[in-house]
All heavy atoms as atom14 arrays in JSON, in Angstrom:
{
  "sequence": "FVWNSERKEFLGRTGGSWFKILVFYIIFYGCLAGVFVGTIQALLLTLS",
  "atom14_mask": [
    [1, 1, 1, 1, 1, 1, 1, 1, 1, 1, 1, 0, 0, 0],
    [1, 1, 1, 1, 1, 1, 1, 0, 0, 0, 0, 0, 0, 0],
    [1, 1, 1, 1, 1, 1, 1, 1, 1, 1, 1, 1, 1, 1],
    [1, 1, 1, 1, 1, 1, 1, 1, 0, 0, 0, 0, 0, 0],
    [1, 1, 1, 1, 1, 1, 0, 0, 0, 0, 0, 0, 0, 0],
    [1, 1, 1, 1, 1, 1, 1, 1, 1, 0, 0, 0, 0, 0],
    [1, 1, 1, 1, 1, 1, 1, 1, 1, 1, 1, 0, 0, 0],
    [1, 1, 1, 1, 1, 1, 1, 1, 1, 0, 0, 0, 0, 0],
    [1, 1, 1, 1, 1, 1, 1, 1, 1, 0, 0, 0, 0, 0],
    [1, 1, 1, 1, 1, 1, 1, 1, 1, 1, 1, 0, 0, 0],
    [1, 1, 1, 1, 1, 1, 1, 1, 0, 0, 0, 0, 0, 0],
    [1, 1, 1, 1, 0, 0, 0, 0, 0, 0, 0, 0, 0, 0],
    [1, 1, 1, 1, 1, 1, 1, 1, 1, 1, 1, 0, 0, 0],
    [1, 1, 1, 1, 1, 1, 1, 0, 0, 0, 0, 0, 0, 0],
    [1, 1, 1, 1, 0, 0, 0, 0, 0, 0, 0, 0, 0, 0],
    [1, 1, 1, 1, 0, 0, 0, 0, 0, 0, 0, 0, 0, 0],
    [1, 1, 1, 1, 1, 1, 0, 0, 0, 0, 0, 0, 0, 0],
    [1, 1, 1, 1, 1, 1, 1, 1, 1, 1, 1, 1, 1, 1],
    [1, 1, 1, 1, 1, 1, 1, 1, 1, 1, 1, 0, 0, 0],
    [1, 1, 1, 1, 1, 1, 1, 1, 1, 0, 0, 0, 0, 0],
    [1, 1, 1, 1, 1, 1, 1, 1, 0, 0, 0, 0, 0, 0],
    [1, 1, 1, 1, 1, 1, 1, 1, 0, 0, 0, 0, 0, 0],
    [1, 1, 1, 1, 1, 1, 1, 0, 0, 0, 0, 0, 0, 0],
    [1, 1, 1, 1, 1, 1, 1, 1, 1, 1, 1, 0, 0, 0],
    [1, 1, 1, 1, 1, 1, 1, 1, 1, 1, 1, 1, 0, 0],
    [1, 1, 1, 1, 1, 1, 1, 1, 0, 0, 0, 0, 0, 0],
    [1, 1, 1, 1, 1, 1, 1, 1, 0, 0, 0, 0, 0, 0],
    [1, 1, 1, 1, 1, 1, 1, 1, 1, 1, 1, 0, 0, 0],
    [1, 1, 1, 1, 1, 1, 1, 1, 1, 1, 1, 1, 0, 0],
    [1, 1, 1, 1, 0, 0, 0, 0, 0, 0, 0, 0, 0, 0],
    [1, 1, 1, 1, 1, 1, 0, 0, 0, 0, 0, 0, 0, 0],
    [1, 1, 1, 1, 1, 1, 1, 1, 0, 0, 0, 0, 0, 0],
    [1, 1, 1, 1, 1, 0, 0, 0, 0, 0, 0, 0, 0, 0],
    [1, 1, 1, 1, 0, 0, 0, 0, 0, 0, 0, 0, 0, 0],
    [1, 1, 1, 1, 1, 1, 1, 0, 0, 0, 0, 0, 0, 0],
    [1, 1, 1, 1, 1, 1, 1, 1, 1, 1, 1, 0, 0, 0],
    [1, 1, 1, 1, 1, 1, 1, 0, 0, 0, 0, 0, 0, 0],
    [1, 1, 1, 1, 0, 0, 0, 0, 0, 0, 0, 0, 0, 0],
    [1, 1, 1, 1, 1, 1, 1, 0, 0, 0, 0, 0, 0, 0],
    [1, 1, 1, 1, 1, 1, 1, 1, 0, 0, 0, 0, 0, 0],
    [1, 1, 1, 1, 1, 1, 1, 1, 1, 0, 0, 0, 0, 0],
    [1, 1, 1, 1, 1, 0, 0, 0, 0, 0, 0, 0, 0, 0],
    [1, 1, 1, 1, 1, 1, 1, 1, 0, 0, 0, 0, 0, 0],
    [1, 1, 1, 1, 1, 1, 1, 1, 0, 0, 0, 0, 0, 0],
    [1, 1, 1, 1, 1, 1, 1, 1, 0, 0, 0, 0, 0, 0],
    [1, 1, 1, 1, 1, 1, 1, 0, 0, 0, 0, 0, 0, 0],
    [1, 1, 1, 1, 1, 1, 1, 1, 0, 0, 0, 0, 0, 0],
    [1, 1, 1, 1, 1, 1, 0, 0, 0, 0, 0, 0, 0, 0]
  ],
  "atom14_positions": [
    [[10.98, -5.27, -28.4], [10.8, -5.23, -26.94], [9.5, -4.52, -26.57], [8.78, -4.94, -25.66], [11.99, -4.5, -26.3], [11.81, -4.23, -24.84], [11.91, -5.25, -23.9], [11.51, -2.95, -24.38], [11.72, -4.99, -22.55], [11.32, -2.7, -23.04], [11.43, -3.73, -22.11], [0.0, 0.0, 0.0], [0.0, 0.0, 0.0], [0.0, 0.0, 0.0]],
    [[9.2, -3.45, -27.28], [7.95, -2.74, -27.0], [6.76, -3.62, -27.34], [5.82, -3.75, -26.54], [7.89, -1.42, -27.8], [6.52, -0.75, -27.59], [8.99, -0.47, -27.35], [0.0, 0.0, 0.0], [0.0, 0.0, 0.0], [0.0, 0.0, 0.0], [0.0, 0.0, 0.0], [0.0, 0.0, 0.0], [0.0, 0.0, 0.0], [0.0, 0.0, 0.0]],
    [[6.77, -4.23, -28.48], [5.65, -5.12, -28.87], [6.2, -6.3, -29.66], [6.73, -6.16, -30.75], [4.62, -4.38, -29.67], [3.56, -5.27, -30.24], [3.34, -5.58, -31.55], [2.59, -6.01, -29.51], [2.3, -6.45, -31.7], [1.81, -6.74, -30.44], [2.31, -6.14, -28.14], [0.77, -7.58, -30.05], [1.27, -6.96, -27.78], [0.5, -7.68, -28.72]],
    [[6.06, -7.48, -29.03], [6.48, -8.73, -29.67], [5.23, -9.4, -30.22], [4.43, -9.98, -29.46], [7.19, -9.64, -28.67], [7.85, -10.83, -29.33], [7.33, -11.38, -30.32], [8.99, -11.26, -28.79], [0.0, 0.0, 0.0], [0.0, 0.0, 0.0], [0.0, 0.0, 0.0], [0.0, 0.0, 0.0], [0.0, 0.0, 0.0], [0.0, 0.0, 0.0]],
    [[5.05, -9.29, -31.54], [3.83, -9.82, -32.15], [3.77, -11.33, -32.12], [2.68, -11.91, -32.14], [3.73, -9.32, -33.6], [4.86, -9.73, -34.36], [0.0, 0.0, 0.0], [0.0, 0.0, 0.0], [0.0, 0.0, 0.0], [0.0, 0.0, 0.0], [0.0, 0.0, 0.0], [0.0, 0.0, 0.0], [0.0, 0.0, 0.0], [0.0, 0.0, 0.0]],
    [[4.93, -11.98, -32.08], [4.93, -13.44, -32.08], [4.44, -13.98, -30.73], [3.65, -14.92, -30.67], [6.32, -13.97, -32.38], [6.81, -13.64, -33.8], [8.21, -14.17, -34.05], [8.77, -14.78, -33.12], [8.73, -13.95, -35.16], [0.0, 0.0, 0.0], [0.0, 0.0, 0.0], [0.0, 0.0, 0.0], [0.0, 0.0, 0.0], [0.0, 0.0, 0.0]],
    [[4.94, -13.4, -29.63], [4.56, -13.87, -28.29], [3.41, -13.07, -27.68], [2.97, -13.37, -26.57], [5.76, -13.78, -27.36], [6.92, -14.66, -27.79], [8.04, -14.57, -26.77], [9.16, -15.41, -27.14], [10.27, -15.55, -26.41], [10.37, -14.9, -25.26], [11.26, -16.31, -26.83], [0.0, 0.0, 0.0], [0.0, 0.0, 0.0], [0.0, 0.0, 0.0]],
    [[2.97, -12.03, -28.4], [1.89, -11.16, -27.88], [2.31, -10.52, -26.55], [1.56, -10.5, -25.58], [0.59, -11.95, -27.69], [0.12, -12.7, -28.93], [-0.18, -11.76, -30.08], [-0.74, -12.54, -31.28], [-0.97, -11.65, -32.45], [0.0, 0.0, 0.0], [0.0, 0.0, 0.0], [0.0, 0.0, 0.0], [0.0, 0.0, 0.0], [0.0, 0.0, 0.0]],
    [[3.53, -9.96, -26.52], [4.06, -9.35, -25.3], [4.23, -7.84, -25.49], [4.69, -7.38, -26.54], [5.42, -9.96, -24.94], [5.35, -11.42, -24.5], [6.71, -11.99, -24.18], [7.73, -11.33, -24.52], [6.77, -13.08, -23.61], [0.0, 0.0, 0.0], [0.0, 0.0, 0.0], [0.0, 0.0, 0.0], [0.0, 0.0, 0.0], [0.0, 0.0, 0.0]],
    [[3.86, -7.11, -24.46], [4.06, -5.66, -24.44], [5.04, -5.33, -23.32], [4.8, -5.67, -22.15], [2.72, -4.94, -24.2], [2.86, -3.45, -24.06], [3.19, -2.67, -25.17], [2.68, -2.83, -22.84], [3.31, -1.3, -25.05], [2.81, -1.46, -22.72], [3.12, -0.69, -23.84], [0.0, 0.0, 0.0], [0.0, 0.0, 0.0], [0.0, 0.0, 0.0]],
    [[6.19, -4.73, -23.7], [7.27, -4.43, -22.76], [7.71, -5.69, -22.01], [7.98, -5.68, -20.8], [6.85, -3.33, -21.77], [6.56, -1.96, -22.37], [6.1, -0.98, -21.27], [7.77, -1.4, -23.1], [0.0, 0.0, 0.0], [0.0, 0.0, 0.0], [0.0, 0.0, 0.0], [0.0, 0.0, 0.0], [0.0, 0.0, 0.0], [0.0, 0.0, 0.0]],
    [[7.75, -6.78, -22.7], [8.27, -8.01, -22.14], [7.28, -8.82, -21.34], [7.66, -9.85, -20.75], [0.0, 0.0, 0.0], [0.0, 0.0, 0.0], [0.0, 0.0, 0.0], [0.0, 0.0, 0.0], [0.0, 0.0, 0.0], [0.0, 0.0, 0.0], [0.0, 0.0, 0.0], [0.0, 0.0, 0.0], [0.0, 0.0, 0.0], [0.0, 0.0, 0.0]],
    [[6.0, -8.42, -21.28], [5.0, -9.17, -20.51], [3.75, -9.39, -21.36], [3.37, -8.54, -22.14], [4.62, -8.44, -19.23], [5.73, -8.38, -18.2], [5.26, -7.72, -16.92], [6.3, -7.67, -15.92], [6.59, -8.67, -15.08], [5.88, -9.78, -15.14], [7.56, -8.54, -14.21], [0.0, 0.0, 0.0], [0.0, 0.0, 0.0], [0.0, 0.0, 0.0]],
    [[3.14, -10.53, -21.1], [1.89, -10.83, -21.78], [0.74, -10.08, -21.1], [0.9, -9.53, -20.0], [1.61, -12.34, -21.75], [1.45, -12.75, -20.38], [2.75, -13.13, -22.39], [0.0, 0.0, 0.0], [0.0, 0.0, 0.0], [0.0, 0.0, 0.0], [0.0, 0.0, 0.0], [0.0, 0.0, 0.0], [0.0, 0.0, 0.0], [0.0, 0.0, 0.0]],
    [[-0.4, -10.08, -21.76], [-1.56, -9.41, -21.18], [-1.96, -10.0, -19.84], [-2.32, -9.28, -18.9], [0.0, 0.0, 0.0], [0.0, 0.0, 0.0], [0.0, 0.0, 0.0], [0.0, 0.0, 0.0], [0.0, 0.0, 0.0], [0.0, 0.0, 0.0], [0.0, 0.0, 0.0], [0.0, 0.0, 0.0], [0.0, 0.0, 0.0], [0.0, 0.0, 0.0]],
    [[-1.86, -11.35, -19.72], [-2.2, -11.99, -18.44], [-1.26, -11.57, -17.33], [-1.67, -11.36, -16.18], [0.0, 0.0, 0.0], [0.0, 0.0, 0.0], [0.0, 0.0, 0.0], [0.0, 0.0, 0.0], [0.0, 0.0, 0.0], [0.0, 0.0, 0.0], [0.0, 0.0, 0.0], [0.0, 0.0, 0.0], [0.0, 0.0, 0.0], [0.0, 0.0, 0.0]],
    [[0.04, -11.44, -17.67], [1.03, -11.02, -16.67], [0.75, -9.6, -16.2], [0.81, -9.3, -15.01], [2.44, -11.13, -17.25], [3.4, -10.68, -16.32], [0.0, 0.0, 0.0], [0.0, 0.0, 0.0], [0.0, 0.0, 0.0], [0.0, 0.0, 0.0], [0.0, 0.0, 0.0], [0.0, 0.0, 0.0], [0.0, 0.0, 0.0], [0.0, 0.0, 0.0]],
    [[0.47, -8.71, -17.18], [0.16, -7.34, -16.8], [-1.1, -7.26, -15.96], [-1.18, -6.47, -15.0], [-0.03, -6.49, -18.06], [1.26, -6.02, -18.68], [1.75, -6.37, -19.9], [2.21, -5.14, -18.11], [2.95, -5.77, -20.13], [3.26, -4.98, -19.02], [2.29, -4.45, -16.89], [4.38, -4.19, -18.79], [3.41, -3.65, -16.65], [4.43, -3.52, -17.59]],
    [[-2.1, -8.07, -16.23], [-3.34, -8.08, -15.46], [-3.08, -8.5, -14.02], [-3.6, -7.9, -13.07], [-4.34, -9.02, -16.12], [-5.63, -9.16, -15.36], [-6.58, -8.14, -15.37], [-5.89, -10.29, -14.59], [-7.76, -8.26, -14.66], [-7.06, -10.42, -13.87], [-8.0, -9.39, -13.91], [0.0, 0.0, 0.0], [0.0, 0.0, 0.0], [0.0, 0.0, 0.0]],
    [[-2.26, -9.55, -13.84], [-1.94, -10.01, -12.48], [-1.2, -8.93, -11.68], [-1.48, -8.72, -10.5], [-1.11, -11.28, -12.55], [-1.86, -12.47, -13.1], [-0.95, -13.69, -13.22], [-1.7, -14.89, -13.81], [-0.8, -16.08, -13.98], [0.0, 0.0, 0.0], [0.0, 0.0, 0.0], [0.0, 0.0, 0.0], [0.0, 0.0, 0.0], [0.0, 0.0, 0.0]],
    [[-0.24, -8.25, -12.35], [0.5, -7.18, -11.65], [-0.44, -6.05, -11.27], [-0.37, -5.51, -10.16], [1.65, -6.67, -12.55], [2.72, -7.75, -12.69], [2.24, -5.38, -11.99], [3.83, -7.37, -13.64], [0.0, 0.0, 0.0], [0.0, 0.0, 0.0], [0.0, 0.0, 0.0], [0.0, 0.0, 0.0], [0.0, 0.0, 0.0], [0.0, 0.0, 0.0]],
    [[-1.34, -5.67, -12.2], [-2.28, -4.6, -11.92], [-3.18, -4.94, -10.74], [-3.39, -4.12, -9.83], [-3.11, -4.31, -13.17], [-4.17, -3.21, -13.04], [-3.5, -1.87, -12.75], [-5.02, -3.12, -14.3], [0.0, 0.0, 0.0], [0.0, 0.0, 0.0], [0.0, 0.0, 0.0], [0.0, 0.0, 0.0], [0.0, 0.0, 0.0], [0.0, 0.0, 0.0]],
    [[-3.7, -6.15, -10.71], [-4.56, -6.58, -9.6], [-3.78, -6.58, -8.29], [-4.29, -6.14, -7.24], [-5.14, -7.98, -9.89], [-5.86, -8.52, -8.65], [-6.1, -7.93, -11.07], [0.0, 0.0, 0.0], [0.0, 0.0, 0.0], [0.0, 0.0, 0.0], [0.0, 0.0, 0.0], [0.0, 0.0, 0.0], [0.0, 0.0, 0.0], [0.0, 0.0, 0.0]],
    [[-2.53, -7.04, -8.32], [-1.71, -7.09, -7.1], [-1.54, -5.69, -6.51], [-1.73, -5.48, -5.31], [-0.35, -7.71, -7.43], [0.65, -7.55, -6.31], [0.6, -8.38, -5.2], [1.62, -6.54, -6.34], [1.51, -8.23, -4.16], [2.52, -6.38, -5.31], [2.47, -7.24, -4.22], [0.0, 0.0, 0.0], [0.0, 0.0, 0.0], [0.0, 0.0, 0.0]],
    [[-1.16, -4.72, -7.38], [-0.91, -3.38, -6.87], [-2.19, -2.67, -6.45], [-2.18, -1.84, -5.52], [-0.13, -2.56, -7.89], [1.35, -2.86, -7.87], [1.95, -3.58, -8.9], [2.14, -2.46, -6.8], [3.31, -3.87, -8.88], [3.5, -2.75, -6.77], [4.08, -3.46, -7.8], [5.41, -3.74, -7.76], [0.0, 0.0, 0.0], [0.0, 0.0, 0.0]],
    [[-3.29, -2.97, -7.11], [-4.57, -2.39, -6.66], [-4.89, -2.87, -5.25], [-5.27, -2.09, -4.37], [-5.7, -2.75, -7.64], [-5.52, -1.98, -8.96], [-7.06, -2.43, -7.03], [-6.55, -2.36, -10.02], [0.0, 0.0, 0.0], [0.0, 0.0, 0.0], [0.0, 0.0, 0.0], [0.0, 0.0, 0.0], [0.0, 0.0, 0.0], [0.0, 0.0, 0.0]],
    [[-4.74, -4.18, -5.03], [-5.0, -4.74, -3.69], [-4.0, -4.19, -2.67], [-4.35, -3.81, -1.55], [-4.96, -6.28, -3.74], [-6.09, -6.8, -4.62], [-5.06, -6.86, -2.33], [-6.05, -8.3, -4.84], [0.0, 0.0, 0.0], [0.0, 0.0, 0.0], [0.0, 0.0, 0.0], [0.0, 0.0, 0.0], [0.0, 0.0, 0.0], [0.0, 0.0, 0.0]],
    [[-2.71, -4.14, -3.07], [-1.65, -3.7, -2.15], [-1.88, -2.25, -1.69], [-1.9, -1.96, -0.49], [-0.3, -3.83, -2.86], [0.85, -3.31, -2.05], [1.3, -3.99, -0.92], [1.49, -2.12, -2.41], [2.37, -3.51, -0.18], [2.55, -1.64, -1.67], [2.99, -2.33, -0.55], [0.0, 0.0, 0.0], [0.0, 0.0, 0.0], [0.0, 0.0, 0.0]],
    [[-2.06, -1.34, -2.67], [-2.26, 0.06, -2.29], [-3.63, 0.31, -1.68], [-3.81, 1.24, -0.88], [-2.05, 0.97, -3.51], [-0.59, 1.11, -3.88], [-0.09, 0.56, -5.05], [0.29, 1.78, -3.03], [1.27, 0.67, -5.38], [1.64, 1.9, -3.36], [2.12, 1.34, -4.54], [3.45, 1.46, -4.84], [0.0, 0.0, 0.0], [0.0, 0.0, 0.0]],
    [[-4.6, -0.54, -2.04], [-5.9, -0.45, -1.39], [-5.79, -0.76, 0.09], [-6.4, -0.1, 0.94], [0.0, 0.0, 0.0], [0.0, 0.0, 0.0], [0.0, 0.0, 0.0], [0.0, 0.0, 0.0], [0.0, 0.0, 0.0], [0.0, 0.0, 0.0], [0.0, 0.0, 0.0], [0.0, 0.0, 0.0], [0.0, 0.0, 0.0], [0.0, 0.0, 0.0]],
    [[-5.0, -1.79, 0.41], [-4.78, -2.14, 1.82], [-4.05, -1.03, 2.56], [-4.39, -0.7, 3.71], [-4.0, -3.45, 1.92], [-4.93, -4.91, 1.39], [0.0, 0.0, 0.0], [0.0, 0.0, 0.0], [0.0, 0.0, 0.0], [0.0, 0.0, 0.0], [0.0, 0.0, 0.0], [0.0, 0.0, 0.0], [0.0, 0.0, 0.0], [0.0, 0.0, 0.0]],
    [[-3.02, -0.44, 1.92], [-2.31, 0.67, 2.55], [-3.25, 1.85, 2.82], [-3.2, 2.46, 3.89], [-1.16, 1.12, 1.65], [0.07, 0.21, 1.56], [1.12, 0.83, 0.65], [0.66, -0.04, 2.94], [0.0, 0.0, 0.0], [0.0, 0.0, 0.0], [0.0, 0.0, 0.0], [0.0, 0.0, 0.0], [0.0, 0.0, 0.0], [0.0, 0.0, 0.0]],
    [[-4.09, 2.17, 1.84], [-5.04, 3.26, 2.03], [-6.02, 2.95, 3.15], [-6.38, 3.81, 3.95], [-5.79, 3.53, 0.73], [0.0, 0.0, 0.0], [0.0, 0.0, 0.0], [0.0, 0.0, 0.0], [0.0, 0.0, 0.0], [0.0, 0.0, 0.0], [0.0, 0.0, 0.0], [0.0, 0.0, 0.0], [0.0, 0.0, 0.0], [0.0, 0.0, 0.0]],
    [[-6.45, 1.68, 3.22], [-7.36, 1.28, 4.28], [-6.73, 1.41, 5.65], [-7.38, 1.87, 6.6], [0.0, 0.0, 0.0], [0.0, 0.0, 0.0], [0.0, 0.0, 0.0], [0.0, 0.0, 0.0], [0.0, 0.0, 0.0], [0.0, 0.0, 0.0], [0.0, 0.0, 0.0], [0.0, 0.0, 0.0], [0.0, 0.0, 0.0], [0.0, 0.0, 0.0]],
    [[-5.46, 1.0, 5.78], [-4.76, 1.13, 7.06], [-4.63, 2.6, 7.44], [-4.84, 2.98, 8.61], [-3.37, 0.47, 6.97], [-2.54, 0.8, 8.22], [-3.5, -1.03, 6.82], [0.0, 0.0, 0.0], [0.0, 0.0, 0.0], [0.0, 0.0, 0.0], [0.0, 0.0, 0.0], [0.0, 0.0, 0.0], [0.0, 0.0, 0.0], [0.0, 0.0, 0.0]],
    [[-4.29, 3.45, 6.47], [-4.14, 4.89, 6.73], [-5.46, 5.5, 7.18], [-5.52, 6.21, 8.19], [-3.62, 5.59, 5.47], [-3.52, 7.07, 5.61], [-2.48, 7.65, 6.32], [-4.48, 7.91, 5.04], [-2.39, 9.03, 6.45], [-4.39, 9.28, 5.17], [-3.34, 9.84, 5.88], [0.0, 0.0, 0.0], [0.0, 0.0, 0.0], [0.0, 0.0, 0.0]],
    [[-6.54, 5.23, 6.43], [-7.85, 5.78, 6.78], [-8.31, 5.27, 8.14], [-8.84, 6.01, 8.97], [-8.88, 5.44, 5.69], [-10.29, 5.84, 6.14], [-8.53, 6.15, 4.38], [0.0, 0.0, 0.0], [0.0, 0.0, 0.0], [0.0, 0.0, 0.0], [0.0, 0.0, 0.0], [0.0, 0.0, 0.0], [0.0, 0.0, 0.0], [0.0, 0.0, 0.0]],
    [[-8.08, 3.98, 8.39], [-8.47, 3.4, 9.68], [-7.71, 4.04, 10.83], [-8.29, 4.3, 11.9], [0.0, 0.0, 0.0], [0.0, 0.0, 0.0], [0.0, 0.0, 0.0], [0.0, 0.0, 0.0], [0.0, 0.0, 0.0], [0.0, 0.0, 0.0], [0.0, 0.0, 0.0], [0.0, 0.0, 0.0], [0.0, 0.0, 0.0], [0.0, 0.0, 0.0]],
    [[-6.42, 4.31, 10.63], [-5.63, 4.95, 11.68], [-6.13, 6.35, 11.97], [-6.26, 6.76, 13.13], [-4.15, 5.0, 11.26], [-3.68, 3.68, 10.99], [-3.3, 5.62, 12.35], [0.0, 0.0, 0.0], [0.0, 0.0, 0.0], [0.0, 0.0, 0.0], [0.0, 0.0, 0.0], [0.0, 0.0, 0.0], [0.0, 0.0, 0.0], [0.0, 0.0, 0.0]],
    [[-6.43, 7.12, 10.91], [-6.94, 8.47, 11.09], [-8.28, 8.45, 11.81], [-8.53, 9.26, 12.72], [-7.07, 9.19, 9.74], [-5.7, 9.37, 9.08], [-7.75, 10.54, 9.9], [-4.74, 10.21, 9.89], [0.0, 0.0, 0.0], [0.0, 0.0, 0.0], [0.0, 0.0, 0.0], [0.0, 0.0, 0.0], [0.0, 0.0, 0.0], [0.0, 0.0, 0.0]],
    [[-9.16, 7.52, 11.42], [-10.47, 7.42, 12.08], [-10.33, 7.07, 13.55], [-11.03, 7.6, 14.41], [-11.34, 6.39, 11.36], [-11.8, 6.81, 9.97], [-12.67, 8.05, 10.01], [-13.47, 8.24, 10.93], [-12.54, 8.9, 9.0], [0.0, 0.0, 0.0], [0.0, 0.0, 0.0], [0.0, 0.0, 0.0], [0.0, 0.0, 0.0], [0.0, 0.0, 0.0]],
    [[-9.41, 6.14, 13.85], [-9.18, 5.77, 15.26], [-8.66, 6.96, 16.06], [-9.04, 7.17, 17.21], [-8.19, 4.6, 15.33], [0.0, 0.0, 0.0], [0.0, 0.0, 0.0], [0.0, 0.0, 0.0], [0.0, 0.0, 0.0], [0.0, 0.0, 0.0], [0.0, 0.0, 0.0], [0.0, 0.0, 0.0], [0.0, 0.0, 0.0], [0.0, 0.0, 0.0]],
    [[-7.78, 7.76, 15.42], [-7.28, 8.95, 16.1], [-8.39, 9.97, 16.34], [-8.47, 10.56, 17.42], [-6.16, 9.58, 15.25], [-5.57, 10.9, 15.77], [-4.9, 10.69, 17.12], [-4.57, 11.47, 14.77], [0.0, 0.0, 0.0], [0.0, 0.0, 0.0], [0.0, 0.0, 0.0], [0.0, 0.0, 0.0], [0.0, 0.0, 0.0], [0.0, 0.0, 0.0]],
    [[-9.25, 10.16, 15.34], [-10.34, 11.12, 15.49], [-11.31, 10.74, 16.6], [-11.92, 11.6, 17.23], [-11.1, 11.27, 14.17], [-10.33, 11.93, 13.01], [-11.16, 11.92, 11.74], [-9.93, 13.35, 13.37], [0.0, 0.0, 0.0], [0.0, 0.0, 0.0], [0.0, 0.0, 0.0], [0.0, 0.0, 0.0], [0.0, 0.0, 0.0], [0.0, 0.0, 0.0]],
    [[-11.44, 9.44, 16.85], [-12.33, 8.98, 17.92], [-11.82, 9.39, 19.3], [-12.59, 9.46, 20.25], [-12.5, 7.46, 17.85], [-13.29, 6.92, 16.65], [-13.28, 5.39, 16.65], [-14.72, 7.44, 16.66], [0.0, 0.0, 0.0], [0.0, 0.0, 0.0], [0.0, 0.0, 0.0], [0.0, 0.0, 0.0], [0.0, 0.0, 0.0], [0.0, 0.0, 0.0]],
    [[-10.52, 9.65, 19.41], [-9.94, 10.05, 20.7], [-9.99, 11.55, 20.92], [-9.66, 12.02, 22.01], [-8.47, 9.58, 20.79], [-7.68, 10.31, 19.84], [-8.36, 8.09, 20.51], [0.0, 0.0, 0.0], [0.0, 0.0, 0.0], [0.0, 0.0, 0.0], [0.0, 0.0, 0.0], [0.0, 0.0, 0.0], [0.0, 0.0, 0.0], [0.0, 0.0, 0.0]],
    [[-10.37, 12.31, 19.88], [-10.37, 13.76, 19.98], [-11.75, 14.29, 20.34], [-12.76, 13.72, 19.96], [-9.91, 14.39, 18.66], [-8.53, 13.97, 18.15], [-8.23, 14.66, 16.83], [-7.46, 14.3, 19.17], [0.0, 0.0, 0.0], [0.0, 0.0, 0.0], [0.0, 0.0, 0.0], [0.0, 0.0, 0.0], [0.0, 0.0, 0.0], [0.0, 0.0, 0.0]],
    [[-11.75, 15.38, 21.08], [-13.0, 16.04, 21.46], [-13.3, 17.2, 20.52], [-12.39, 17.89, 20.06], [-12.92, 16.55, 22.9], [-14.02, 17.38, 23.21], [0.0, 0.0, 0.0], [0.0, 0.0, 0.0], [0.0, 0.0, 0.0], [0.0, 0.0, 0.0], [0.0, 0.0, 0.0], [0.0, 0.0, 0.0], [0.0, 0.0, 0.0], [0.0, 0.0, 0.0]]
  ]
}
């Protein structure tokens, strides 16, 4: 299960599958961080 040498799988996923998941979460959390930073910046614009 940890490493399947026949199918080239690590923890049940191939390298391509792990790459797609990694890219998805980078984009997902990047968007969340962008929304958070944008909200804070918009709030700061209203403050004196």
